[in-house]
Amino acid sequence: MTTYDFPQDLRDAQLALHQTCAAYQEFARSLPWSAEPLPGWEAEKQLHSGFRSAKPDSPGYTEEQHAEVARFRAELLELSITVSTHTFWEQVEQGQVVDARMRLKHQHEAHETEAA
């Protein structure tokens, strides 16, 4: 099993990416189902099922919600670029980059287990 000595700034950027993604997903769960105001709907009953999918009216996002979504997306893009273009990847053997990337993604889990 290959081990990698990830630089601290790369580990910090990956952890920030993970935390920002989790915060964005949490925020997104609080948003209306549509970014723009749209009327609700109810689908026809499906064959062999009594289930009818439906959505209530959506008021759309507020200006503050639009701004927060844009902020999250910009931050996620910047962190993704920071992680993926880090100079560390130049020193990883070509056939090992995917393995190294996956280990970096889960490195915070190993540290959480050690601290517990």
N, C-alpha and C. Protein backbone atom coordinates (compact mmCIF):
# COMPACT_ATOMS: atom_id res chain seq x y z
N MET A 1 0.85 -1.19 0.00
CA MET A 1 0.00 0.00 0.00
C MET A 1 0.89 1.24 0.00
N THR A 2 0.66 2.09 -0.96
CA THR A 2 1.42 3.33 -1.08
C THR A 2 0.90 4.36 -0.09
N THR A 3 1.83 5.05 0.55
CA THR A 3 1.43 6.17 1.42
C THR A 3 1.93 7.45 0.77
N TYR A 4 1.25 8.51 1.04
CA TYR A 4 1.57 9.80 0.44
C TYR A 4 1.77 10.83 1.53
N ASP A 5 2.77 11.67 1.35
CA ASP A 5 3.05 12.74 2.31
C ASP A 5 2.44 14.02 1.75
N PHE A 6 1.14 14.18 1.98
CA PHE A 6 0.45 15.35 1.44
C PHE A 6 0.90 16.61 2.18
N PRO A 7 1.21 17.68 1.46
CA PRO A 7 1.57 18.94 2.13
C PRO A 7 0.36 19.49 2.90
N GLN A 8 0.66 20.20 3.97
CA GLN A 8 -0.40 20.71 4.84
C GLN A 8 -1.37 21.63 4.10
N ASP A 9 -0.88 22.47 3.20
CA ASP A 9 -1.79 23.38 2.50
C ASP A 9 -2.75 22.62 1.60
N LEU A 10 -2.32 21.50 1.04
CA LEU A 10 -3.20 20.67 0.22
C LEU A 10 -4.24 19.97 1.10
N ARG A 11 -3.81 19.45 2.24
CA ARG A 11 -4.76 18.83 3.18
C ARG A 11 -5.78 19.85 3.67
N ASP A 12 -5.32 21.06 3.97
CA ASP A 12 -6.22 22.12 4.43
C ASP A 12 -7.24 22.50 3.36
N ALA A 13 -6.77 22.59 2.11
CA ALA A 13 -7.68 22.94 1.01
C ALA A 13 -8.71 21.84 0.79
N GLN A 14 -8.28 20.57 0.88
CA GLN A 14 -9.21 19.46 0.70
C GLN A 14 -10.25 19.44 1.82
N LEU A 15 -9.81 19.68 3.05
CA LEU A 15 -10.76 19.71 4.18
C LEU A 15 -11.73 20.88 4.01
N ALA A 16 -11.23 22.04 3.60
CA ALA A 16 -12.11 23.19 3.36
C ALA A 16 -13.11 22.88 2.25
N LEU A 17 -12.67 22.17 1.21
CA LEU A 17 -13.57 21.78 0.13
C LEU A 17 -14.66 20.85 0.66
N HIS A 18 -14.27 19.89 1.46
CA HIS A 18 -15.23 18.95 2.05
C HIS A 18 -16.25 19.69 2.94
N GLN A 19 -15.76 20.56 3.80
CA GLN A 19 -16.63 21.30 4.72
C GLN A 19 -17.55 22.27 3.98
N THR A 20 -17.04 22.93 2.96
CA THR A 20 -17.85 23.87 2.18
C THR A 20 -18.93 23.14 1.41
N CYS A 21 -18.59 21.98 0.87
CA CYS A 21 -19.58 21.17 0.14
C CYS A 21 -20.69 20.73 1.09
N ALA A 22 -20.33 20.30 2.29
CA ALA A 22 -21.33 19.88 3.27
C ALA A 22 -22.21 21.07 3.68
N ALA A 23 -21.62 22.24 3.87
CA ALA A 23 -22.39 23.43 4.24
C ALA A 23 -23.33 23.84 3.12
N TYR A 24 -22.87 23.74 1.88
CA TYR A 24 -23.72 24.08 0.73
C TYR A 24 -24.89 23.11 0.62
N GLN A 25 -24.63 21.83 0.80
CA GLN A 25 -25.72 20.84 0.74
C GLN A 25 -26.74 21.10 1.85
N GLU A 26 -26.28 21.45 3.02
CA GLU A 26 -27.19 21.76 4.14
C GLU A 26 -28.03 23.00 3.80
N PHE A 27 -27.39 24.03 3.25
CA PHE A 27 -28.11 25.24 2.86
C PHE A 27 -29.12 24.93 1.76
N ALA A 28 -28.73 24.14 0.78
CA ALA A 28 -29.60 23.82 -0.35
C ALA A 28 -30.86 23.09 0.10
N ARG A 29 -30.77 22.31 1.16
CA ARG A 29 -31.96 21.61 1.66
C ARG A 29 -33.02 22.58 2.19
N SER A 30 -32.61 23.78 2.54
CA SER A 30 -33.55 24.77 3.08
C SER A 30 -34.20 25.61 1.97
N LEU A 31 -33.75 25.46 0.74
CA LEU A 31 -34.25 26.29 -0.36
C LEU A 31 -35.55 25.75 -0.94
N PRO A 32 -36.35 26.63 -1.54
CA PRO A 32 -37.52 26.16 -2.28
C PRO A 32 -37.07 25.23 -3.41
N TRP A 33 -37.97 24.40 -3.91
CA TRP A 33 -37.60 23.43 -4.95
C TRP A 33 -37.25 24.07 -6.29
N SER A 34 -37.66 25.30 -6.51
CA SER A 34 -37.34 26.01 -7.75
C SER A 34 -36.70 27.36 -7.43
N ALA A 35 -35.68 27.71 -8.19
CA ALA A 35 -35.02 29.00 -7.99
C ALA A 35 -35.92 30.16 -8.41
N GLU A 36 -36.80 29.91 -9.37
CA GLU A 36 -37.74 30.92 -9.85
C GLU A 36 -39.14 30.58 -9.35
N PRO A 37 -40.01 31.57 -9.15
CA PRO A 37 -41.39 31.26 -8.73
C PRO A 37 -42.09 30.39 -9.78
N LEU A 38 -42.63 29.27 -9.32
CA LEU A 38 -43.37 28.36 -10.20
C LEU A 38 -44.56 27.79 -9.46
N PRO A 39 -45.63 27.52 -10.19
CA PRO A 39 -46.79 26.91 -9.54
C PRO A 39 -46.50 25.44 -9.21
N GLY A 40 -47.18 24.96 -8.20
CA GLY A 40 -47.05 23.55 -7.83
C GLY A 40 -47.72 22.66 -8.85
N TRP A 41 -47.58 21.36 -8.68
CA TRP A 41 -48.19 20.42 -9.62
C TRP A 41 -48.40 19.07 -8.95
N GLU A 42 -49.26 18.29 -9.56
CA GLU A 42 -49.47 16.92 -9.12
C GLU A 42 -49.51 16.06 -10.37
N ALA A 43 -48.71 15.00 -10.39
CA ALA A 43 -48.64 14.12 -11.56
C ALA A 43 -49.81 13.16 -11.57
N GLU A 44 -50.03 12.58 -12.72
CA GLU A 44 -51.06 11.56 -12.86
C GLU A 44 -50.66 10.32 -12.06
N LYS A 45 -51.68 9.58 -11.65
CA LYS A 45 -51.43 8.32 -10.96
C LYS A 45 -50.72 7.38 -11.93
N GLN A 46 -49.69 6.71 -11.42
CA GLN A 46 -48.92 5.80 -12.25
C GLN A 46 -49.57 4.42 -12.29
N LEU A 47 -49.40 3.73 -13.39
CA LEU A 47 -49.94 2.39 -13.58
C LEU A 47 -49.41 1.46 -12.48
N HIS A 48 -50.28 0.68 -11.88
CA HIS A 48 -49.94 -0.29 -10.83
C HIS A 48 -49.44 0.38 -9.54
N SER A 49 -49.80 1.62 -9.34
CA SER A 49 -49.37 2.32 -8.14
C SER A 49 -50.40 3.38 -7.77
N GLY A 50 -50.56 3.61 -6.50
CA GLY A 50 -51.45 4.67 -6.05
C GLY A 50 -50.69 5.97 -5.80
N PHE A 51 -49.36 5.95 -5.98
CA PHE A 51 -48.53 7.11 -5.68
C PHE A 51 -48.69 8.20 -6.74
N ARG A 52 -48.84 9.43 -6.27
CA ARG A 52 -48.86 10.60 -7.14
C ARG A 52 -47.77 11.56 -6.66
N SER A 53 -46.78 11.82 -7.50
CA SER A 53 -45.76 12.79 -7.10
C SER A 53 -46.36 14.19 -7.23
N ALA A 54 -45.93 15.05 -6.34
CA ALA A 54 -46.47 16.42 -6.33
C ALA A 54 -45.45 17.38 -5.72
N LYS A 55 -45.59 18.62 -6.08
CA LYS A 55 -44.79 19.71 -5.50
C LYS A 55 -45.72 20.86 -5.17
N PRO A 56 -45.48 21.53 -4.03
CA PRO A 56 -46.29 22.72 -3.72
C PRO A 56 -45.79 23.91 -4.55
N ASP A 57 -46.50 25.02 -4.52
CA ASP A 57 -46.04 26.23 -5.19
C ASP A 57 -44.65 26.60 -4.66
N SER A 58 -43.80 27.08 -5.54
CA SER A 58 -42.47 27.53 -5.13
C SER A 58 -42.42 29.05 -5.22
N PRO A 59 -42.05 29.71 -4.13
CA PRO A 59 -41.94 31.17 -4.17
C PRO A 59 -40.67 31.62 -4.91
N GLY A 60 -39.78 30.68 -5.23
CA GLY A 60 -38.49 31.04 -5.81
C GLY A 60 -37.52 31.48 -4.73
N TYR A 61 -36.29 31.69 -5.11
CA TYR A 61 -35.27 32.12 -4.15
C TYR A 61 -35.38 33.63 -3.92
N THR A 62 -35.04 34.05 -2.72
CA THR A 62 -34.90 35.47 -2.44
C THR A 62 -33.57 35.95 -3.03
N GLU A 63 -33.38 37.24 -3.10
CA GLU A 63 -32.11 37.78 -3.58
C GLU A 63 -30.95 37.29 -2.70
N GLU A 64 -31.20 37.22 -1.39
CA GLU A 64 -30.17 36.75 -0.46
C GLU A 64 -29.83 35.28 -0.73
N GLN A 65 -30.83 34.46 -1.03
CA GLN A 65 -30.59 33.05 -1.32
C GLN A 65 -29.82 32.90 -2.63
N HIS A 66 -30.18 33.66 -3.65
CA HIS A 66 -29.43 33.64 -4.91
C HIS A 66 -27.96 34.00 -4.66
N ALA A 67 -27.75 35.05 -3.86
CA ALA A 67 -26.39 35.50 -3.56
C ALA A 67 -25.61 34.44 -2.80
N GLU A 68 -26.26 33.78 -1.86
CA GLU A 68 -25.58 32.75 -1.06
C GLU A 68 -25.23 31.54 -1.93
N VAL A 69 -26.12 31.15 -2.82
CA VAL A 69 -25.83 30.05 -3.75
C VAL A 69 -24.63 30.42 -4.61
N ALA A 70 -24.60 31.63 -5.14
CA ALA A 70 -23.48 32.09 -5.97
C ALA A 70 -22.18 32.10 -5.18
N ARG A 71 -22.24 32.54 -3.93
CA ARG A 71 -21.05 32.57 -3.07
C ARG A 71 -20.53 31.16 -2.85
N PHE A 72 -21.42 30.23 -2.50
CA PHE A 72 -21.01 28.85 -2.29
C PHE A 72 -20.38 28.26 -3.55
N ARG A 73 -21.02 28.48 -4.69
CA ARG A 73 -20.51 27.91 -5.95
C ARG A 73 -19.13 28.48 -6.29
N ALA A 74 -18.93 29.76 -6.09
CA ALA A 74 -17.63 30.38 -6.36
C ALA A 74 -16.56 29.82 -5.42
N GLU A 75 -16.91 29.67 -4.15
CA GLU A 75 -15.96 29.12 -3.19
C GLU A 75 -15.62 27.67 -3.51
N LEU A 76 -16.63 26.88 -3.88
CA LEU A 76 -16.39 25.48 -4.24
C LEU A 76 -15.51 25.38 -5.48
N LEU A 77 -15.75 26.24 -6.46
CA LEU A 77 -14.93 26.24 -7.67
C LEU A 77 -13.48 26.59 -7.33
N GLU A 78 -13.28 27.62 -6.54
CA GLU A 78 -11.94 28.05 -6.17
C GLU A 78 -11.20 26.94 -5.40
N LEU A 79 -11.87 26.32 -4.45
CA LEU A 79 -11.24 25.24 -3.68
C LEU A 79 -10.94 24.03 -4.56
N SER A 80 -11.83 23.72 -5.47
CA SER A 80 -11.61 22.60 -6.40
C SER A 80 -10.38 22.85 -7.27
N ILE A 81 -10.25 24.07 -7.75
CA ILE A 81 -9.09 24.43 -8.57
C ILE A 81 -7.82 24.34 -7.73
N THR A 82 -7.87 24.85 -6.51
CA THR A 82 -6.71 24.81 -5.62
C THR A 82 -6.24 23.37 -5.40
N VAL A 83 -7.18 22.47 -5.12
CA VAL A 83 -6.83 21.07 -4.86
C VAL A 83 -6.32 20.40 -6.13
N SER A 84 -7.04 20.56 -7.22
CA SER A 84 -6.71 19.80 -8.44
C SER A 84 -5.46 20.30 -9.16
N THR A 85 -5.07 21.54 -8.95
CA THR A 85 -3.89 22.07 -9.65
C THR A 85 -2.69 22.22 -8.72
N HIS A 86 -2.76 21.69 -7.52
CA HIS A 86 -1.66 21.80 -6.56
C HIS A 86 -0.40 21.15 -7.15
N THR A 87 0.74 21.74 -6.88
CA THR A 87 2.00 21.22 -7.42
C THR A 87 2.33 19.82 -6.91
N PHE A 88 1.73 19.39 -5.82
CA PHE A 88 1.98 18.05 -5.30
C PHE A 88 1.70 16.98 -6.35
N TRP A 89 0.67 17.17 -7.16
CA TRP A 89 0.26 16.14 -8.12
C TRP A 89 1.33 15.88 -9.17
N GLU A 90 2.22 16.84 -9.39
CA GLU A 90 3.31 16.66 -10.37
C GLU A 90 4.31 15.61 -9.93
N GLN A 91 4.44 15.40 -8.62
CA GLN A 91 5.42 14.43 -8.12
C GLN A 91 4.83 13.03 -7.91
N VAL A 92 3.53 12.88 -8.10
CA VAL A 92 2.91 11.57 -7.95
C VAL A 92 3.06 10.81 -9.26
N GLU A 93 3.46 9.55 -9.16
CA GLU A 93 3.61 8.71 -10.34
C GLU A 93 2.31 8.69 -11.14
N GLN A 94 2.40 8.76 -12.45
CA GLN A 94 1.23 8.91 -13.31
C GLN A 94 0.14 7.89 -13.01
N GLY A 95 0.46 6.65 -12.82
CA GLY A 95 -0.55 5.62 -12.57
C GLY A 95 -1.10 5.62 -11.15
N GLN A 96 -0.57 6.49 -10.29
CA GLN A 96 -0.98 6.51 -8.88
C GLN A 96 -1.81 7.73 -8.51
N VAL A 97 -2.07 8.60 -9.46
CA VAL A 97 -2.77 9.86 -9.15
C VAL A 97 -4.17 9.61 -8.61
N VAL A 98 -4.92 8.72 -9.21
CA VAL A 98 -6.29 8.46 -8.75
C VAL A 98 -6.26 7.90 -7.33
N ASP A 99 -5.34 6.96 -7.05
CA ASP A 99 -5.22 6.41 -5.70
C ASP A 99 -4.86 7.51 -4.70
N ALA A 100 -3.91 8.35 -5.06
CA ALA A 100 -3.50 9.45 -4.17
C ALA A 100 -4.66 10.41 -3.93
N ARG A 101 -5.40 10.73 -4.99
CA ARG A 101 -6.54 11.65 -4.86
C ARG A 101 -7.60 11.08 -3.91
N MET A 102 -7.88 9.79 -4.04
CA MET A 102 -8.88 9.17 -3.17
C MET A 102 -8.40 9.15 -1.72
N ARG A 103 -7.13 8.89 -1.52
CA ARG A 103 -6.60 8.90 -0.14
C ARG A 103 -6.66 10.31 0.46
N LEU A 104 -6.38 11.32 -0.36
CA LEU A 104 -6.49 12.70 0.14
C LEU A 104 -7.92 13.01 0.53
N LYS A 105 -8.88 12.59 -0.29
CA LYS A 105 -10.28 12.87 0.00
C LYS A 105 -10.72 12.29 1.34
N HIS A 106 -10.14 11.17 1.73
CA HIS A 106 -10.55 10.50 2.96
C HIS A 106 -9.55 10.66 4.11
N GLN A 107 -8.53 11.48 3.93
CA GLN A 107 -7.51 11.64 4.96
C GLN A 107 -8.09 12.22 6.25
N HIS A 108 -9.05 13.14 6.15
CA HIS A 108 -9.63 13.72 7.36
C HIS A 108 -10.32 12.66 8.20
N GLU A 109 -10.86 11.63 7.57
CA GLU A 109 -11.52 10.54 8.31
C GLU A 109 -10.51 9.79 9.15
N ALA A 110 -9.31 9.55 8.60
CA ALA A 110 -8.27 8.84 9.34
C ALA A 110 -7.85 9.65 10.56
N HIS A 111 -7.74 10.96 10.40
CA HIS A 111 -7.34 11.81 11.54
C HIS A 111 -8.44 11.87 12.60
N GLU A 112 -9.71 11.85 12.20
CA GLU A 112 -10.81 11.84 13.15
C GLU A 112 -10.81 10.55 13.96
N THR A 113 -10.49 9.42 13.31
CA THR A 113 -10.45 8.12 13.98
C THR A 113 -9.30 8.09 14.99
N GLU A 114 -8.14 8.63 14.60
CA GLU A 114 -6.98 8.67 15.49
C GLU A 114 -7.25 9.54 16.71
N ALA A 115 -7.98 10.63 16.54
CA ALA A 115 -8.25 11.56 17.65
C ALA A 115 -9.26 10.99 18.63
N ALA A 116 -10.11 10.08 18.17
CA ALA A 116 -11.16 9.52 19.03
C ALA A 116 -10.65 8.51 20.02
